[in-house]
Structures are given as C-alpha cells and as structure tokens.
Amino acid sequence: MQKDTQMDIIAEYYMGLRKYSPNEKYSESNVRVYTSSESDAWLVLERKGESIIQARLTDENGVIVSWDDYAVKNADIQLVEAVRLSVSGRSQIVFTPLEELVIDRYGDYDRNTTRGKLDILEGRFKDPDIEAAAKSVIEKLGRISDQTYADMYSVGQRRQDVERGRSLTARMEKAKIAADKHNAERAIIPVKGRKGMEI
C-alpha cells in the first residue's frame, strides 16, 4: 500500500469501530481496503478525483451501509456529506456537514437519547440554521438503526479527537520554529555550568 497521508488520517477516524487492518489483496493504487478480524465488515477508502476521498463501510453481508465524502486539500480534510442506509434498507439518508456538527456537539452514544436531547433543545437554539439542522437530525435518526447511528457518532467523536491532536501538533511545531528563530536572531547560546549542564 503506497503512502497517502490524507487516507491515513481518514482511516484513523474509523479504526475504533472494529479491528480493521489493511488488506493488500483487494487494495489498488487509489483504493484502500481494510478488513476486520472480528467480522466480515469492510472499510474501503477510495480517491474520487484529486480532491475527494470517500469512506465506505459494509456490514457482515457485504452491503454498503455508509458513505462519507471528504474534501481534501493538502492537510485540510473536511466532511462534505455523510450517507447512511435506512433501517429498512430501501433508502439512503443524507446528513449535511451542519447536521453532523449538531450530532457531534449535542449527540450521545445512544440514538434515542440524542433524539430526546435535541427534542428538549428545540426552540432554544439562537442560530436558525442550527435549529433547522437539529429538527432534521431528529427526523433522520428515526430512520436509521441503532448500530448505524453508534458507528456514525463514534466516527464523529474520533474525527474531532484526531483533528484536535493534529491542530495541537501543528501549533507546537510552529511555536518551536518561532522560538528557534527568535533565539537565533538574538544569538542566545546555551551556557554550560560547572558540571557541563546547560543553564
């Protein structure tokens, strides 16, 4: 499997769902396949052109139950659409980035608890777009299974954790470069103490 940092980051979002590991047999240059030792479920990451990576999850029967599209540009990765198979298996439920944000902010691991929370908050959101998204989420969560929701929520939480970690690392690296530059400009040279320790 060739190195692809953007795919590596996106794969990390999904690794907590099952014990996925790369499957070289089914992977190609623009498609990565991960299989699970716990079940027959697959995770497939596919480049859809230069700026979109799609993550698909299958169930144990090989049925695709979710499609997540990410817009990628250098180190920037943004979820642009999340699609889930309905509980009946006859339709696809599309979640917008704003609806995903509502789930990430106000959601809970349990689908019905999340719907209850959002129902209680209805009418209390100051932003009308968030209010509309919350209403839409309540309706859409009624059409997907508990497991589908649990996976979606877990991926969202993991995505936030990974992005927070990447942001912190980037800020630390930037601060170190700035400090090194500042020290070089001021010609601050570490002074050795009597026992050879820097002071």
Protein backbone atom coordinates (compact mmCIF):
# COMPACT_ATOMS: atom_id res chain seq x y z
CA MET A 1 0.00 0.00 0.00
CA GLN A 2 1.54 3.29 -1.06
CA LYS A 3 1.92 6.20 1.35
CA ASP A 4 -1.04 8.57 1.32
CA THR A 5 -1.17 10.84 4.36
CA GLN A 6 -4.73 12.05 3.70
CA MET A 7 -6.03 8.46 3.51
CA ASP A 8 -4.03 7.57 6.64
CA ILE A 9 -5.74 10.37 8.58
CA ILE A 10 -9.22 9.44 7.36
CA ALA A 11 -8.61 5.73 8.09
CA GLU A 12 -7.73 6.71 11.66
CA TYR A 13 -11.26 8.09 12.12
CA TYR A 14 -12.74 4.60 11.54
CA MET A 15 -10.19 2.33 13.25
CA GLY A 16 -12.03 2.43 16.58
CA LEU A 17 -15.15 0.78 15.12
CA ARG A 18 -13.65 -2.65 14.56
CA LYS A 19 -10.18 -4.13 14.47
CA TYR A 20 -9.53 -3.11 10.88
CA SER A 21 -6.23 -3.90 9.21
CA PRO A 22 -5.04 -3.13 5.67
CA ASN A 23 -5.84 -5.81 3.09
CA GLU A 24 -3.23 -5.70 0.32
CA LYS A 25 -5.05 -8.33 -1.75
CA TYR A 26 -8.03 -6.10 -2.53
CA SER A 27 -6.31 -2.69 -2.42
CA GLU A 28 -5.25 -0.79 -5.53
CA SER A 29 -3.43 2.48 -6.19
CA ASN A 30 -6.46 4.71 -5.48
CA VAL A 31 -8.47 2.27 -3.31
CA ARG A 32 -7.55 1.05 0.14
CA VAL A 33 -9.41 -1.88 1.66
CA TYR A 34 -9.39 -2.67 5.38
CA THR A 35 -10.88 -5.88 6.72
CA SER A 36 -11.78 -6.82 10.27
CA SER A 37 -10.64 -9.84 12.23
CA GLU A 38 -13.84 -9.54 14.32
CA SER A 39 -16.35 -9.72 11.45
CA ASP A 40 -16.70 -9.74 7.67
CA ALA A 41 -17.28 -5.97 7.63
CA TRP A 42 -15.02 -3.87 5.38
CA LEU A 43 -13.78 -0.29 5.36
CA VAL A 44 -12.98 1.00 1.86
CA LEU A 45 -11.28 4.33 1.18
CA GLU A 46 -11.34 5.50 -2.43
CA ARG A 47 -9.99 8.61 -4.12
CA LYS A 48 -12.73 10.16 -6.24
CA GLY A 49 -10.58 12.58 -8.20
CA GLU A 50 -7.93 14.90 -6.86
CA SER A 51 -9.91 16.47 -4.02
CA ILE A 52 -12.45 13.88 -2.73
CA ILE A 53 -11.88 10.74 -0.68
CA GLN A 54 -14.88 8.51 0.00
CA ALA A 55 -15.01 6.19 3.03
CA ARG A 56 -17.46 3.28 2.75
CA LEU A 57 -18.42 0.78 5.43
CA THR A 58 -20.04 -2.57 4.73
CA ASP A 59 -21.87 -4.86 7.09
CA GLU A 60 -21.03 -8.57 7.53
CA ASN A 61 -23.05 -9.41 4.40
CA GLY A 62 -21.11 -7.02 2.17
CA VAL A 63 -23.94 -4.46 1.99
CA ILE A 64 -22.66 -0.87 1.98
CA VAL A 65 -24.27 0.83 4.99
CA SER A 66 -22.44 4.18 4.94
CA TRP A 67 -20.70 6.54 2.54
CA ASP A 68 -18.73 9.53 3.84
CA ASP A 69 -17.24 12.03 1.37
CA TYR A 70 -14.29 14.16 2.46
CA ALA A 71 -12.94 17.18 0.60
CA VAL A 72 -9.15 17.12 0.89
CA LYS A 73 -6.64 19.83 0.13
CA ASN A 74 -3.12 19.40 1.48
CA ALA A 75 -3.54 18.90 5.25
CA ASP A 76 -7.13 20.21 5.29
CA ILE A 77 -9.79 17.47 5.47
CA GLN A 78 -13.49 18.38 5.63
CA LEU A 79 -16.52 16.08 5.75
CA VAL A 80 -18.86 17.23 2.95
CA GLU A 81 -21.55 14.56 3.09
CA ALA A 82 -22.48 11.52 5.18
CA VAL A 83 -24.94 8.98 3.78
CA ARG A 84 -26.45 6.15 5.81
CA LEU A 85 -28.60 3.22 4.74
CA SER A 86 -32.08 3.37 6.26
CA VAL A 87 -33.18 0.69 8.72
CA SER A 88 -35.46 -0.75 6.02
CA GLY A 89 -32.51 -0.96 3.61
CA ARG A 90 -34.59 0.69 0.89
CA SER A 91 -33.35 4.29 1.06
CA GLN A 92 -30.30 6.36 1.77
CA ILE A 93 -30.35 9.08 4.43
CA VAL A 94 -28.08 12.08 3.68
CA PHE A 95 -26.60 14.07 6.56
CA THR A 96 -25.15 17.51 5.80
CA PRO A 97 -22.00 18.85 7.50
CA LEU A 98 -24.20 21.08 9.69
CA GLU A 99 -26.31 18.10 10.76
CA GLU A 100 -23.11 16.17 11.55
CA LEU A 101 -21.97 19.15 13.62
CA VAL A 102 -25.23 19.04 15.60
CA ILE A 103 -24.69 15.32 16.29
CA ASP A 104 -21.05 15.91 17.27
CA ARG A 105 -21.99 18.74 19.66
CA TYR A 106 -25.22 17.53 21.20
CA GLY A 107 -25.20 13.81 20.49
CA ASP A 108 -24.82 10.84 22.77
CA TYR A 109 -23.79 7.23 22.08
CA ASP A 110 -27.45 6.23 22.14
CA ARG A 111 -29.63 7.24 19.17
CA ASN A 112 -32.82 7.72 21.19
CA THR A 113 -31.03 9.74 23.88
CA THR A 114 -29.69 12.04 21.16
CA ARG A 115 -33.16 12.48 19.69
CA GLY A 116 -34.52 13.24 23.18
CA LYS A 117 -31.81 15.83 23.88
CA LEU A 118 -32.42 17.58 20.57
CA ASP A 119 -36.18 17.49 21.17
CA ILE A 120 -35.69 19.21 24.56
CA LEU A 121 -33.39 21.83 22.97
CA GLU A 122 -35.84 22.54 20.14
CA GLY A 123 -36.75 26.23 20.13
CA ARG A 124 -33.71 27.14 22.26
CA PHE A 125 -31.10 27.38 19.51
CA LYS A 126 -30.19 31.00 18.73
CA ASP A 127 -28.99 30.20 15.21
CA PRO A 128 -31.94 29.37 12.90
CA ASP A 129 -29.70 27.15 10.73
CA ILE A 130 -28.72 25.05 13.77
CA GLU A 131 -32.40 24.90 14.80
CA ALA A 132 -33.39 23.60 11.34
CA ALA A 133 -30.49 21.11 11.33
CA ALA A 134 -31.48 19.80 14.79
CA LYS A 135 -35.09 19.21 13.63
CA SER A 136 -33.80 17.42 10.56
CA VAL A 137 -31.47 15.24 12.65
CA ILE A 138 -34.35 14.18 14.93
CA GLU A 139 -36.31 13.00 11.88
CA LYS A 140 -33.36 11.32 10.16
CA LEU A 141 -32.21 9.45 13.28
CA GLY A 142 -35.65 7.85 13.40
CA ARG A 143 -34.90 6.22 10.04
CA ILE A 144 -31.51 4.59 10.76
CA SER A 145 -30.58 1.67 13.02
CA ASP A 146 -29.03 1.93 16.48
CA GLN A 147 -25.79 0.34 15.20
CA THR A 148 -25.58 2.68 12.21
CA TYR A 149 -26.02 5.68 14.50
CA ALA A 150 -23.50 4.35 17.06
CA ASP A 151 -20.90 3.94 14.30
CA MET A 152 -21.61 7.43 12.93
CA TYR A 153 -21.34 9.00 16.38
CA SER A 154 -18.10 7.14 17.19
CA VAL A 155 -16.50 8.19 13.89
CA GLY A 156 -17.52 11.81 14.54
CA GLN A 157 -16.00 11.78 18.03
CA ARG A 158 -12.81 10.15 16.74
CA ARG A 159 -12.63 12.68 13.88
CA GLN A 160 -12.75 15.51 16.43
CA ASP A 161 -10.05 13.89 18.58
CA VAL A 162 -7.73 13.31 15.61
CA GLU A 163 -8.21 16.86 14.31
CA ARG A 164 -7.61 18.35 17.78
CA GLY A 165 -4.40 16.33 18.05
CA ARG A 166 -3.25 17.40 14.58
CA SER A 167 -4.03 21.04 15.37
CA LEU A 168 -2.11 20.91 18.66
CA THR A 169 0.89 19.24 16.99
CA ALA A 170 0.89 21.85 14.22
CA ARG A 171 0.74 24.71 16.75
CA MET A 172 3.58 23.18 18.80
CA GLU A 173 5.76 22.81 15.71
CA LYS A 174 5.02 26.40 14.69
CA ALA A 175 5.88 27.66 18.19
CA LYS A 176 9.15 25.71 18.21
CA ILE A 177 10.18 27.16 14.83
CA ALA A 178 9.32 30.68 16.05
CA ALA A 179 11.28 30.14 19.29
CA ASP A 180 14.30 28.75 17.40
CA LYS A 181 14.19 31.73 15.02
CA HIS A 182 13.89 34.19 17.92
CA ASN A 183 16.81 32.57 19.74
CA ALA A 184 18.94 32.58 16.57
CA GLU A 185 18.20 36.27 15.93
CA ARG A 186 19.13 37.20 19.49
CA ALA A 187 22.14 34.87 19.38
CA ILE A 188 21.14 33.16 22.61
CA ILE A 189 23.70 30.46 23.18
CA PRO A 190 23.19 27.93 25.96
CA VAL A 191 25.78 28.43 28.70
CA LYS A 192 27.40 25.38 30.23
CA GLY A 193 27.53 25.21 34.01
CA ARG A 194 30.41 23.83 36.05
CA LYS A 195 29.21 20.25 35.72
CA GLY A 196 28.61 20.53 31.95
CA MET A 197 24.87 21.15 32.27
CA GLU A 198 23.16 23.84 30.19
CA ILE A 199 21.83 26.77 32.21
